[in-house]
N, C-alpha and C. Protein backbone atom coordinates (compact mmCIF):
# COMPACT_ATOMS: atom_id res chain seq x y z
N UNK A 1 -4.03 -24.59 20.31
CA UNK A 1 -3.00 -24.16 19.36
C UNK A 1 -3.05 -22.65 19.20
N UNK A 2 -1.91 -22.05 19.02
CA UNK A 2 -1.81 -20.59 18.92
C UNK A 2 -2.16 -20.14 17.50
N UNK A 3 -3.11 -19.21 17.35
CA UNK A 3 -3.45 -18.70 16.02
C UNK A 3 -2.45 -17.66 15.54
N UNK A 4 -2.52 -17.35 14.25
CA UNK A 4 -1.68 -16.31 13.67
C UNK A 4 -2.54 -15.24 13.04
N UNK A 5 -2.07 -14.00 13.13
CA UNK A 5 -2.68 -12.88 12.42
C UNK A 5 -1.68 -12.40 11.38
N UNK A 6 -2.03 -12.55 10.12
CA UNK A 6 -1.19 -12.05 9.04
C UNK A 6 -1.76 -10.71 8.59
N UNK A 7 -0.95 -9.68 8.65
CA UNK A 7 -1.41 -8.31 8.37
C UNK A 7 -1.11 -7.95 6.93
N UNK A 8 -2.16 -7.83 6.12
CA UNK A 8 -2.00 -7.56 4.69
C UNK A 8 -3.00 -6.52 4.20
N UNK A 9 -3.34 -5.56 5.07
CA UNK A 9 -4.40 -4.60 4.73
C UNK A 9 -3.90 -3.31 4.11
N UNK A 10 -2.60 -3.04 4.20
CA UNK A 10 -2.07 -1.74 3.80
C UNK A 10 -2.15 -1.44 2.32
N UNK A 11 -1.92 -0.18 1.98
CA UNK A 11 -2.05 0.28 0.60
C UNK A 11 -0.86 -0.01 -0.28
N UNK A 12 0.25 -0.51 0.27
CA UNK A 12 1.44 -0.87 -0.51
C UNK A 12 1.90 0.27 -1.41
N UNK A 13 1.91 1.49 -0.88
CA UNK A 13 2.24 2.65 -1.71
C UNK A 13 3.66 2.58 -2.27
N UNK A 14 4.61 2.09 -1.49
CA UNK A 14 5.99 2.00 -1.97
C UNK A 14 6.18 0.90 -3.01
N UNK A 15 5.20 0.00 -3.08
CA UNK A 15 5.23 -1.07 -4.07
C UNK A 15 4.43 -0.68 -5.31
N UNK A 16 4.09 0.61 -5.40
CA UNK A 16 3.29 1.06 -6.53
C UNK A 16 1.85 0.61 -6.43
N UNK A 17 1.35 0.46 -5.20
CA UNK A 17 -0.01 0.02 -4.89
C UNK A 17 -0.28 -1.44 -5.27
N UNK A 18 0.76 -2.19 -5.64
CA UNK A 18 0.60 -3.63 -5.86
C UNK A 18 0.54 -4.31 -4.49
N UNK A 19 -0.51 -5.02 -4.16
CA UNK A 19 -0.61 -5.65 -2.84
C UNK A 19 0.58 -6.57 -2.56
N UNK A 20 1.31 -6.29 -1.50
CA UNK A 20 2.51 -7.07 -1.20
C UNK A 20 2.19 -8.54 -0.95
N UNK A 21 1.05 -8.79 -0.36
CA UNK A 21 0.70 -10.17 -0.06
C UNK A 21 0.39 -11.03 -1.26
N UNK A 22 0.13 -10.39 -2.40
CA UNK A 22 -0.22 -11.12 -3.62
C UNK A 22 0.92 -11.18 -4.62
N UNK A 23 2.08 -10.66 -4.26
CA UNK A 23 3.22 -10.69 -5.18
C UNK A 23 3.63 -12.13 -5.46
N UNK A 24 3.95 -12.45 -6.71
CA UNK A 24 4.34 -13.82 -7.05
C UNK A 24 5.73 -14.17 -6.56
N UNK A 25 5.92 -15.43 -6.27
CA UNK A 25 7.21 -15.95 -5.85
C UNK A 25 7.76 -16.90 -6.92
N UNK A 26 9.06 -17.13 -6.94
CA UNK A 26 9.65 -17.97 -7.99
C UNK A 26 9.10 -19.39 -8.05
N UNK A 27 8.58 -19.90 -6.94
CA UNK A 27 8.06 -21.28 -6.94
C UNK A 27 6.63 -21.38 -7.44
N UNK A 28 6.06 -20.27 -7.92
CA UNK A 28 4.70 -20.30 -8.46
C UNK A 28 3.63 -19.95 -7.45
N UNK A 29 3.99 -19.78 -6.19
CA UNK A 29 3.03 -19.37 -5.18
C UNK A 29 3.05 -17.84 -5.06
N UNK A 30 2.32 -17.30 -4.09
CA UNK A 30 2.39 -15.87 -3.83
C UNK A 30 2.69 -15.66 -2.35
N UNK A 31 3.01 -14.43 -1.98
CA UNK A 31 3.55 -14.14 -0.67
C UNK A 31 2.68 -14.67 0.47
N UNK A 32 1.41 -14.32 0.47
CA UNK A 32 0.54 -14.78 1.57
C UNK A 32 0.41 -16.30 1.58
N UNK A 33 0.41 -16.90 0.42
CA UNK A 33 0.33 -18.36 0.36
C UNK A 33 1.54 -18.98 1.06
N UNK A 34 2.72 -18.42 0.83
CA UNK A 34 3.91 -18.92 1.49
C UNK A 34 3.82 -18.74 3.01
N UNK A 35 3.34 -17.58 3.44
CA UNK A 35 3.23 -17.32 4.87
C UNK A 35 2.25 -18.28 5.53
N UNK A 36 1.14 -18.53 4.87
CA UNK A 36 0.15 -19.48 5.41
C UNK A 36 0.76 -20.87 5.50
N UNK A 37 1.46 -21.30 4.45
CA UNK A 37 2.09 -22.62 4.47
C UNK A 37 3.11 -22.72 5.59
N UNK A 38 3.91 -21.67 5.78
CA UNK A 38 4.90 -21.67 6.86
C UNK A 38 4.21 -21.82 8.21
N UNK A 39 3.12 -21.08 8.40
CA UNK A 39 2.37 -21.18 9.66
C UNK A 39 1.86 -22.59 9.90
N UNK A 40 1.26 -23.17 8.88
CA UNK A 40 0.66 -24.50 9.05
C UNK A 40 1.73 -25.55 9.32
N UNK A 41 2.85 -25.48 8.60
CA UNK A 41 3.91 -26.47 8.79
C UNK A 41 4.61 -26.30 10.13
N UNK A 42 4.57 -25.08 10.68
CA UNK A 42 5.21 -24.82 11.98
C UNK A 42 4.33 -25.23 13.15
N UNK A 43 3.05 -25.53 12.90
CA UNK A 43 2.16 -25.93 13.98
C UNK A 43 1.27 -24.85 14.52
N UNK A 44 1.10 -23.76 13.74
CA UNK A 44 0.17 -22.71 14.14
C UNK A 44 -1.25 -23.24 14.04
N UNK A 45 -2.15 -22.68 14.84
CA UNK A 45 -3.56 -23.06 14.75
C UNK A 45 -4.22 -22.35 13.58
N UNK A 46 -5.35 -21.73 13.81
CA UNK A 46 -6.06 -21.03 12.75
C UNK A 46 -5.26 -19.81 12.29
N UNK A 47 -5.23 -19.60 10.97
CA UNK A 47 -4.53 -18.45 10.40
C UNK A 47 -5.57 -17.42 9.97
N UNK A 48 -5.49 -16.23 10.54
CA UNK A 48 -6.39 -15.13 10.20
C UNK A 48 -5.62 -14.13 9.35
N UNK A 49 -6.17 -13.77 8.19
CA UNK A 49 -5.51 -12.80 7.31
C UNK A 49 -6.35 -11.53 7.29
N UNK A 50 -5.73 -10.43 7.73
CA UNK A 50 -6.44 -9.15 7.77
C UNK A 50 -6.18 -8.40 6.48
N UNK A 51 -7.26 -8.06 5.77
CA UNK A 51 -7.15 -7.38 4.48
C UNK A 51 -7.87 -6.04 4.54
N UNK A 52 -7.59 -5.18 3.56
CA UNK A 52 -8.24 -3.87 3.49
C UNK A 52 -8.16 -3.33 2.08
N UNK A 53 -6.97 -2.83 1.69
CA UNK A 53 -6.73 -2.37 0.33
C UNK A 53 -6.89 -3.55 -0.64
N UNK A 54 -7.60 -3.31 -1.75
CA UNK A 54 -7.83 -4.37 -2.75
C UNK A 54 -8.45 -5.61 -2.09
N UNK A 55 -9.47 -5.39 -1.28
CA UNK A 55 -10.06 -6.48 -0.50
C UNK A 55 -10.61 -7.61 -1.37
N UNK A 56 -11.34 -7.27 -2.41
CA UNK A 56 -11.94 -8.32 -3.25
C UNK A 56 -10.89 -9.15 -3.95
N UNK A 57 -9.85 -8.48 -4.40
CA UNK A 57 -8.76 -9.21 -5.05
C UNK A 57 -8.12 -10.18 -4.09
N UNK A 58 -7.91 -9.76 -2.84
CA UNK A 58 -7.37 -10.65 -1.82
C UNK A 58 -8.32 -11.83 -1.58
N UNK A 59 -9.60 -11.55 -1.47
CA UNK A 59 -10.56 -12.62 -1.20
C UNK A 59 -10.51 -13.70 -2.28
N UNK A 60 -10.41 -13.28 -3.52
CA UNK A 60 -10.36 -14.25 -4.62
C UNK A 60 -9.13 -15.14 -4.52
N UNK A 61 -7.99 -14.52 -4.22
CA UNK A 61 -6.75 -15.30 -4.17
C UNK A 61 -6.67 -16.18 -2.92
N UNK A 62 -7.30 -15.73 -1.84
CA UNK A 62 -7.23 -16.47 -0.59
C UNK A 62 -8.30 -17.54 -0.46
N UNK A 63 -9.24 -17.57 -1.40
CA UNK A 63 -10.41 -18.45 -1.27
C UNK A 63 -10.03 -19.93 -1.15
N UNK A 64 -8.92 -20.32 -1.76
CA UNK A 64 -8.55 -21.75 -1.73
C UNK A 64 -7.60 -22.10 -0.59
N UNK A 65 -7.28 -21.12 0.24
CA UNK A 65 -6.36 -21.38 1.34
C UNK A 65 -7.12 -21.59 2.65
N UNK A 66 -6.56 -22.37 3.58
CA UNK A 66 -7.23 -22.64 4.87
C UNK A 66 -7.04 -21.48 5.85
N UNK A 67 -7.73 -20.37 5.57
CA UNK A 67 -7.57 -19.17 6.40
C UNK A 67 -8.93 -18.57 6.74
N UNK A 68 -8.94 -17.74 7.77
CA UNK A 68 -10.07 -16.89 8.09
C UNK A 68 -9.74 -15.50 7.56
N UNK A 69 -10.55 -14.98 6.66
CA UNK A 69 -10.30 -13.66 6.09
C UNK A 69 -11.04 -12.62 6.92
N UNK A 70 -10.31 -11.62 7.38
CA UNK A 70 -10.86 -10.56 8.23
C UNK A 70 -10.69 -9.24 7.47
N UNK A 71 -11.78 -8.61 7.10
CA UNK A 71 -11.67 -7.34 6.38
C UNK A 71 -11.71 -6.18 7.37
N UNK A 72 -10.77 -5.28 7.21
CA UNK A 72 -10.71 -4.08 8.05
C UNK A 72 -11.09 -2.87 7.20
N UNK A 73 -12.34 -2.40 7.30
CA UNK A 73 -12.74 -1.25 6.49
C UNK A 73 -12.03 0.05 6.89
N UNK A 74 -11.42 0.05 8.07
CA UNK A 74 -10.72 1.25 8.55
C UNK A 74 -9.22 1.16 8.34
N UNK A 75 -8.77 0.36 7.37
CA UNK A 75 -7.34 0.10 7.22
C UNK A 75 -6.52 1.36 6.97
N UNK A 76 -7.12 2.37 6.35
CA UNK A 76 -6.38 3.59 6.05
C UNK A 76 -6.07 4.41 7.30
N UNK A 77 -6.71 4.08 8.41
CA UNK A 77 -6.46 4.84 9.65
C UNK A 77 -5.18 4.42 10.36
N UNK A 78 -4.55 3.34 9.89
CA UNK A 78 -3.30 2.92 10.50
C UNK A 78 -3.24 1.42 10.75
N UNK A 79 -2.02 0.88 10.78
CA UNK A 79 -1.86 -0.57 10.95
C UNK A 79 -2.45 -1.07 12.25
N UNK A 80 -2.43 -0.23 13.29
CA UNK A 80 -2.98 -0.68 14.57
C UNK A 80 -4.46 -1.04 14.44
N UNK A 81 -5.18 -0.36 13.55
CA UNK A 81 -6.58 -0.72 13.34
C UNK A 81 -6.71 -2.14 12.80
N UNK A 82 -5.76 -2.55 11.97
CA UNK A 82 -5.78 -3.91 11.44
C UNK A 82 -5.44 -4.94 12.51
N UNK A 83 -4.50 -4.58 13.38
CA UNK A 83 -4.18 -5.49 14.49
C UNK A 83 -5.41 -5.69 15.37
N UNK A 84 -6.10 -4.59 15.67
CA UNK A 84 -7.30 -4.69 16.52
C UNK A 84 -8.39 -5.51 15.84
N UNK A 85 -8.57 -5.31 14.52
CA UNK A 85 -9.57 -6.10 13.79
C UNK A 85 -9.22 -7.58 13.86
N UNK A 86 -7.94 -7.89 13.73
CA UNK A 86 -7.52 -9.29 13.80
C UNK A 86 -7.73 -9.89 15.17
N UNK A 87 -7.38 -9.14 16.22
CA UNK A 87 -7.56 -9.65 17.58
C UNK A 87 -9.04 -9.91 17.88
N UNK A 88 -9.92 -9.04 17.39
CA UNK A 88 -11.35 -9.23 17.63
C UNK A 88 -11.90 -10.46 16.93
N UNK A 89 -11.19 -10.95 15.92
CA UNK A 89 -11.66 -12.13 15.19
C UNK A 89 -11.24 -13.44 15.86
N UNK A 90 -10.38 -13.35 16.87
CA UNK A 90 -9.91 -14.56 17.53
C UNK A 90 -10.98 -15.11 18.47
N UNK A 91 -11.02 -16.42 18.65
CA UNK A 91 -12.03 -17.00 19.54
C UNK A 91 -11.77 -16.66 20.99
N UNK A 92 -12.82 -16.61 21.81
CA UNK A 92 -12.65 -16.37 23.25
C UNK A 92 -11.72 -17.41 23.86
N UNK A 93 -10.94 -16.97 24.81
CA UNK A 93 -10.03 -17.90 25.47
C UNK A 93 -8.68 -18.04 24.80
N UNK A 94 -8.44 -17.32 23.70
CA UNK A 94 -7.14 -17.38 23.05
C UNK A 94 -6.06 -16.89 24.01
N UNK A 95 -5.02 -17.68 24.21
CA UNK A 95 -3.99 -17.34 25.20
C UNK A 95 -2.87 -16.49 24.62
N UNK A 96 -2.67 -16.57 23.31
CA UNK A 96 -1.61 -15.82 22.65
C UNK A 96 -1.85 -15.88 21.15
N UNK A 97 -1.17 -15.00 20.42
CA UNK A 97 -1.25 -15.07 18.97
C UNK A 97 0.07 -14.65 18.36
N UNK A 98 0.31 -15.14 17.16
CA UNK A 98 1.48 -14.77 16.39
C UNK A 98 1.08 -13.62 15.46
N UNK A 99 1.76 -12.50 15.56
CA UNK A 99 1.43 -11.32 14.77
C UNK A 99 2.52 -11.15 13.71
N UNK A 100 2.11 -11.25 12.43
CA UNK A 100 3.08 -11.33 11.34
C UNK A 100 2.67 -10.40 10.20
N UNK A 101 3.36 -9.27 10.03
CA UNK A 101 3.05 -8.36 8.92
C UNK A 101 3.62 -8.89 7.60
N UNK A 102 2.93 -8.56 6.53
CA UNK A 102 3.31 -9.05 5.21
C UNK A 102 4.62 -8.42 4.73
N UNK A 103 5.10 -7.40 5.43
CA UNK A 103 6.36 -6.75 5.06
C UNK A 103 7.58 -7.66 5.24
N UNK A 104 7.45 -8.70 6.06
CA UNK A 104 8.57 -9.61 6.33
C UNK A 104 8.13 -11.05 6.06
N UNK A 105 7.89 -11.38 4.79
CA UNK A 105 7.25 -12.67 4.49
C UNK A 105 8.16 -13.88 4.45
N UNK A 106 9.48 -13.69 4.37
CA UNK A 106 10.38 -14.81 4.10
C UNK A 106 11.03 -15.35 5.38
N UNK A 107 10.25 -15.46 6.41
CA UNK A 107 10.71 -15.99 7.70
C UNK A 107 10.73 -17.52 7.64
N UNK A 108 11.70 -18.10 8.29
CA UNK A 108 11.83 -19.57 8.29
C UNK A 108 10.76 -20.24 9.14
N UNK A 109 10.43 -21.45 8.75
CA UNK A 109 9.50 -22.26 9.54
C UNK A 109 10.05 -22.48 10.95
N UNK A 110 11.35 -22.72 11.05
CA UNK A 110 11.96 -22.98 12.35
C UNK A 110 11.84 -21.77 13.28
N UNK A 111 11.81 -20.57 12.72
CA UNK A 111 11.64 -19.36 13.52
C UNK A 111 10.24 -19.32 14.13
N UNK A 112 9.25 -19.63 13.32
CA UNK A 112 7.87 -19.65 13.82
C UNK A 112 7.73 -20.73 14.90
N UNK A 113 8.33 -21.88 14.67
CA UNK A 113 8.27 -22.96 15.66
C UNK A 113 8.91 -22.53 16.97
N UNK A 114 10.04 -21.85 16.89
CA UNK A 114 10.73 -21.40 18.10
C UNK A 114 9.89 -20.41 18.89
N UNK A 115 9.19 -19.51 18.17
CA UNK A 115 8.34 -18.55 18.86
C UNK A 115 7.16 -19.24 19.54
N UNK A 116 6.58 -20.23 18.88
CA UNK A 116 5.48 -20.96 19.49
C UNK A 116 5.94 -21.70 20.75
N UNK A 117 7.15 -22.24 20.70
CA UNK A 117 7.68 -22.94 21.87
C UNK A 117 7.92 -22.00 23.04
N UNK A 118 8.23 -20.74 22.75
CA UNK A 118 8.44 -19.78 23.82
C UNK A 118 7.17 -19.54 24.63
N UNK A 119 6.02 -19.68 24.01
CA UNK A 119 4.77 -19.49 24.75
C UNK A 119 4.63 -20.52 25.87
N UNK A 120 5.14 -21.72 25.64
CA UNK A 120 5.07 -22.76 26.67
C UNK A 120 6.08 -22.52 27.79
N UNK A 121 7.21 -21.86 27.45
CA UNK A 121 8.31 -21.75 28.40
C UNK A 121 8.53 -20.35 28.94
N UNK A 122 7.76 -19.38 28.47
CA UNK A 122 8.05 -17.99 28.82
C UNK A 122 7.80 -17.72 30.31
N UNK A 123 8.51 -16.70 30.81
CA UNK A 123 8.31 -16.26 32.19
C UNK A 123 6.96 -15.56 32.29
N UNK A 124 6.34 -15.55 33.46
CA UNK A 124 5.01 -14.95 33.61
C UNK A 124 4.95 -13.50 33.17
N UNK A 125 6.04 -12.75 33.37
CA UNK A 125 6.01 -11.33 33.01
C UNK A 125 6.25 -11.09 31.52
N UNK A 126 6.71 -12.11 30.80
CA UNK A 126 7.00 -11.95 29.37
C UNK A 126 5.71 -12.05 28.56
N UNK A 127 5.32 -10.94 27.94
CA UNK A 127 4.06 -10.90 27.20
C UNK A 127 4.25 -10.57 25.72
N UNK A 128 5.48 -10.20 25.35
CA UNK A 128 5.72 -9.68 24.00
C UNK A 128 7.06 -10.25 23.53
N UNK A 129 7.03 -11.37 22.83
CA UNK A 129 8.25 -12.05 22.43
C UNK A 129 8.66 -11.61 21.03
N UNK A 130 9.88 -11.10 20.91
CA UNK A 130 10.37 -10.51 19.67
C UNK A 130 11.62 -11.25 19.21
N UNK A 131 11.66 -11.70 17.93
CA UNK A 131 12.88 -12.33 17.43
C UNK A 131 13.95 -11.29 17.11
N UNK A 132 15.20 -11.68 17.30
CA UNK A 132 16.33 -10.83 16.97
C UNK A 132 17.15 -11.48 15.86
N UNK A 133 17.73 -10.61 15.03
CA UNK A 133 18.74 -11.07 14.08
C UNK A 133 19.90 -10.09 14.15
N UNK A 134 21.04 -10.58 14.60
CA UNK A 134 22.23 -9.74 14.78
C UNK A 134 21.91 -8.50 15.61
N UNK A 135 21.13 -8.71 16.65
CA UNK A 135 20.81 -7.64 17.58
C UNK A 135 19.65 -6.75 17.18
N UNK A 136 19.10 -6.93 15.99
CA UNK A 136 17.99 -6.10 15.52
C UNK A 136 16.67 -6.82 15.77
N UNK A 137 15.68 -6.05 16.18
CA UNK A 137 14.36 -6.61 16.42
C UNK A 137 13.61 -6.83 15.11
N UNK A 138 12.82 -7.90 15.05
CA UNK A 138 12.12 -8.21 13.81
C UNK A 138 10.72 -8.76 14.03
N UNK A 139 10.24 -9.48 13.04
CA UNK A 139 8.90 -10.08 13.03
C UNK A 139 9.01 -11.54 12.55
N UNK A 140 7.98 -12.32 12.88
CA UNK A 140 6.75 -12.01 13.62
C UNK A 140 7.01 -11.93 15.12
N UNK A 141 6.02 -11.41 15.84
CA UNK A 141 6.11 -11.35 17.29
C UNK A 141 5.00 -12.20 17.90
N UNK A 142 5.27 -12.69 19.08
CA UNK A 142 4.29 -13.48 19.81
C UNK A 142 3.70 -12.63 20.92
N UNK A 143 2.39 -12.44 20.89
CA UNK A 143 1.71 -11.61 21.88
C UNK A 143 0.90 -12.48 22.83
N UNK A 144 1.12 -12.30 24.11
CA UNK A 144 0.27 -12.92 25.11
C UNK A 144 -1.09 -12.20 25.12
N UNK A 145 -2.13 -12.91 25.46
CA UNK A 145 -3.46 -12.29 25.53
C UNK A 145 -3.52 -11.19 26.58
N UNK A 146 -2.57 -11.19 27.52
CA UNK A 146 -2.53 -10.13 28.53
C UNK A 146 -2.23 -8.78 27.91
N UNK A 147 -1.70 -8.77 26.68
CA UNK A 147 -1.41 -7.50 26.00
C UNK A 147 -2.59 -7.00 25.17
N UNK A 148 -3.58 -7.84 24.93
CA UNK A 148 -4.68 -7.46 24.03
C UNK A 148 -5.40 -6.19 24.49
N UNK A 149 -5.71 -6.02 25.79
CA UNK A 149 -6.36 -4.78 26.20
C UNK A 149 -5.52 -3.53 25.91
N UNK A 150 -4.21 -3.64 26.06
CA UNK A 150 -3.34 -2.50 25.77
C UNK A 150 -3.39 -2.14 24.29
N UNK A 151 -3.48 -3.15 23.43
CA UNK A 151 -3.60 -2.89 21.98
C UNK A 151 -4.93 -2.20 21.69
N UNK A 152 -5.99 -2.69 22.28
CA UNK A 152 -7.31 -2.09 22.06
C UNK A 152 -7.36 -0.65 22.53
N UNK A 153 -6.57 -0.33 23.53
CA UNK A 153 -6.58 1.03 24.09
C UNK A 153 -5.86 2.04 23.20
N UNK A 154 -5.06 1.57 22.25
CA UNK A 154 -4.36 2.48 21.34
C UNK A 154 -5.33 3.11 20.35
N UNK A 155 -5.06 4.34 19.96
CA UNK A 155 -5.77 4.95 18.84
C UNK A 155 -5.25 4.34 17.55
N UNK A 156 -6.08 4.28 16.52
CA UNK A 156 -5.68 3.63 15.28
C UNK A 156 -4.38 4.18 14.68
N UNK A 157 -4.15 5.49 14.71
CA UNK A 157 -2.90 6.00 14.13
C UNK A 157 -1.66 5.74 14.98
N UNK A 158 -1.85 5.34 16.24
CA UNK A 158 -0.70 5.14 17.11
C UNK A 158 0.04 3.87 16.73
N UNK A 159 1.37 3.90 16.75
CA UNK A 159 2.14 2.71 16.41
C UNK A 159 2.07 1.66 17.51
N UNK A 160 2.08 0.42 17.08
CA UNK A 160 2.00 -0.68 18.04
C UNK A 160 3.22 -0.74 18.94
N UNK A 161 4.39 -0.32 18.43
CA UNK A 161 5.61 -0.42 19.24
C UNK A 161 5.57 0.47 20.47
N UNK A 162 4.57 1.32 20.57
CA UNK A 162 4.45 2.13 21.77
C UNK A 162 4.28 1.25 23.01
N UNK A 163 3.63 0.12 22.85
CA UNK A 163 3.37 -0.75 24.02
C UNK A 163 4.66 -1.35 24.57
N UNK A 164 5.48 -2.04 23.76
CA UNK A 164 6.72 -2.56 24.34
C UNK A 164 7.68 -1.46 24.79
N UNK A 165 7.61 -0.28 24.16
CA UNK A 165 8.46 0.83 24.60
C UNK A 165 8.05 1.31 25.99
N UNK A 166 6.73 1.34 26.26
CA UNK A 166 6.25 1.80 27.56
C UNK A 166 6.27 0.70 28.61
N UNK A 167 6.33 -0.56 28.16
CA UNK A 167 6.34 -1.69 29.10
C UNK A 167 7.52 -2.62 28.77
N UNK A 168 8.74 -2.16 28.96
CA UNK A 168 9.89 -3.01 28.64
C UNK A 168 9.94 -4.29 29.46
N UNK A 169 9.28 -4.28 30.60
CA UNK A 169 9.26 -5.49 31.44
C UNK A 169 8.46 -6.62 30.79
N UNK A 170 7.65 -6.29 29.81
CA UNK A 170 6.87 -7.31 29.11
C UNK A 170 7.66 -7.99 28.00
N UNK A 171 8.76 -7.39 27.60
CA UNK A 171 9.45 -7.81 26.38
C UNK A 171 10.43 -8.94 26.64
N UNK A 172 10.35 -9.95 25.79
CA UNK A 172 11.33 -11.04 25.76
C UNK A 172 11.97 -11.05 24.38
N UNK A 173 13.29 -10.92 24.33
CA UNK A 173 14.03 -10.90 23.07
C UNK A 173 14.70 -12.26 22.86
N UNK A 174 14.54 -12.81 21.64
CA UNK A 174 15.08 -14.14 21.36
C UNK A 174 15.89 -14.08 20.08
N UNK A 175 17.18 -14.36 20.17
CA UNK A 175 18.05 -14.37 18.98
C UNK A 175 17.83 -15.70 18.24
N UNK A 176 17.32 -15.61 17.01
CA UNK A 176 16.98 -16.81 16.26
C UNK A 176 17.80 -16.97 14.98
N UNK A 177 18.64 -15.99 14.65
CA UNK A 177 19.54 -16.15 13.51
C UNK A 177 18.87 -16.22 12.16
N UNK A 178 17.71 -15.60 12.03
CA UNK A 178 16.96 -15.65 10.77
C UNK A 178 16.92 -14.26 10.14
N UNK A 179 17.64 -14.03 9.03
CA UNK A 179 17.64 -12.70 8.41
C UNK A 179 16.27 -12.27 7.90
N UNK A 180 15.40 -13.24 7.65
CA UNK A 180 14.06 -12.89 7.18
C UNK A 180 13.24 -12.11 8.19
N UNK A 181 13.60 -12.21 9.46
CA UNK A 181 12.82 -11.52 10.49
C UNK A 181 13.00 -10.01 10.43
N UNK A 182 14.13 -9.54 9.92
CA UNK A 182 14.39 -8.10 9.90
C UNK A 182 14.29 -7.49 8.50
N UNK A 183 13.95 -8.29 7.49
CA UNK A 183 13.77 -7.74 6.14
C UNK A 183 12.47 -6.96 6.06
N UNK A 184 12.54 -5.80 5.43
CA UNK A 184 11.34 -4.99 5.21
C UNK A 184 11.15 -4.85 3.71
N UNK A 185 10.30 -5.69 3.15
CA UNK A 185 10.13 -5.73 1.69
C UNK A 185 9.07 -4.74 1.24
N UNK A 186 9.29 -3.49 1.57
CA UNK A 186 8.31 -2.44 1.31
C UNK A 186 8.30 -1.94 -0.13
N UNK A 187 9.39 -2.15 -0.86
CA UNK A 187 9.47 -1.63 -2.23
C UNK A 187 10.05 -2.72 -3.13
N UNK A 188 9.96 -2.55 -4.46
CA UNK A 188 10.40 -3.60 -5.38
C UNK A 188 11.86 -4.01 -5.19
N UNK A 189 12.74 -3.05 -4.94
CA UNK A 189 14.16 -3.38 -4.77
C UNK A 189 14.39 -4.23 -3.53
N UNK A 190 13.74 -3.86 -2.42
CA UNK A 190 13.90 -4.62 -1.19
C UNK A 190 13.33 -6.03 -1.34
N UNK A 191 12.22 -6.15 -2.06
CA UNK A 191 11.60 -7.46 -2.29
C UNK A 191 12.53 -8.34 -3.12
N UNK A 192 13.12 -7.77 -4.17
CA UNK A 192 14.05 -8.52 -5.01
C UNK A 192 15.27 -8.97 -4.22
N UNK A 193 15.80 -8.10 -3.39
CA UNK A 193 16.96 -8.46 -2.57
C UNK A 193 16.63 -9.60 -1.61
N UNK A 194 15.43 -9.57 -1.05
CA UNK A 194 15.02 -10.64 -0.14
C UNK A 194 14.91 -11.97 -0.88
N UNK A 195 14.38 -11.95 -2.10
CA UNK A 195 14.28 -13.17 -2.89
C UNK A 195 15.67 -13.70 -3.25
N UNK A 196 16.58 -12.81 -3.57
CA UNK A 196 17.95 -13.23 -3.89
C UNK A 196 18.61 -13.85 -2.67
N UNK A 197 18.40 -13.26 -1.50
CA UNK A 197 18.94 -13.83 -0.28
C UNK A 197 18.38 -15.22 -0.03
N UNK A 198 17.08 -15.39 -0.24
CA UNK A 198 16.45 -16.68 -0.02
C UNK A 198 16.99 -17.73 -0.98
N UNK A 199 17.19 -17.33 -2.24
CA UNK A 199 17.72 -18.25 -3.23
C UNK A 199 19.12 -18.74 -2.85
N UNK A 200 19.96 -17.85 -2.36
CA UNK A 200 21.31 -18.23 -1.94
C UNK A 200 21.26 -19.15 -0.73
N UNK A 201 20.32 -18.91 0.18
CA UNK A 201 20.20 -19.77 1.36
C UNK A 201 19.82 -21.18 0.97
N UNK A 202 18.95 -21.30 -0.01
CA UNK A 202 18.45 -22.63 -0.40
C UNK A 202 19.56 -23.50 -1.00
N UNK A 203 20.54 -22.87 -1.62
CA UNK A 203 21.60 -23.66 -2.23
C UNK A 203 22.89 -23.60 -1.41
N UNK A 204 22.89 -22.79 -0.37
CA UNK A 204 24.10 -22.60 0.42
C UNK A 204 24.26 -23.65 1.50
N UNK A 205 25.43 -23.66 2.15
CA UNK A 205 25.69 -24.64 3.21
C UNK A 205 25.08 -24.20 4.53
N UNK A 206 25.05 -25.09 5.46
CA UNK A 206 24.63 -24.74 6.81
C UNK A 206 23.27 -25.27 7.19
N UNK A 207 23.07 -25.51 8.47
CA UNK A 207 21.79 -26.00 8.96
C UNK A 207 20.69 -25.00 8.66
N UNK A 208 19.55 -25.49 8.18
CA UNK A 208 18.40 -24.62 7.95
C UNK A 208 18.45 -23.88 6.63
N UNK A 209 19.45 -24.16 5.78
CA UNK A 209 19.59 -23.42 4.53
C UNK A 209 18.39 -23.62 3.63
N UNK A 210 17.77 -24.80 3.71
CA UNK A 210 16.64 -25.06 2.85
C UNK A 210 15.31 -24.98 3.59
N UNK A 211 15.35 -24.51 4.80
CA UNK A 211 14.11 -24.38 5.60
C UNK A 211 13.22 -23.34 4.97
N UNK A 212 11.97 -23.69 4.60
CA UNK A 212 11.10 -22.72 3.91
C UNK A 212 10.66 -21.61 4.84
C-alpha cells in the first residue's frame, strides 16, 4: 500500500502562527485529523505526519490518530527539508508516496483514490503525478520512488517544483475536477473561503458533492 506524507511543519506565519494543521473544522475535528481520515478511507497505507513548528502541541493532538509522527528539527530551513525528513521515514522498498501539504486540506477522498490508482496504471516514465483543476496544478501529488534521489539532492531552501520543471518528461497531469486541490489556505480569509466552498458542496447537487 502506498504511504502518505502530510506536511505540517511550517510556521504558519500568514495564519498568525496558528498551526494550520490544528485549526478546528465545523464537524468538531481538526485539519490534520480530516486529512488522515481521508487518506485512510481512500486506501492509503501508513500516514506519516511531518511536524516542526509547535511540535509538542502537534504531538499531543496527533497522539490518538493512526499516524507516524516525524519531527523535522530543520523545518525553518525550508519545506524541502520536511519532504526529505518524511521520505527518510518511509520503509525500505517503498515504491511511491502521496505528498500532501497542509495548505490544501479539503481534498476529496475520490481524488486521493484516483491518484493511488494512477500508480498502478502509470507509464514507466511518469514519476510525478499532479492533479489538475480547471487547468491549474494542485495537491496532493504522487511521487514515484525513482524521484526520491532527486529530492534528496536538493538543498533545503530550494523549492520542490524545481524537479518537475527540470524533468517535464517525468510529469503526468490528471484532471480530477476537485477545487480542493488548488486551494491554498495560507491565511484566515482563504481558510474561511475554503470552508464555505466545502459547505456548499455538501448540500449542492452533483456527483461527489458529499464526498469528504
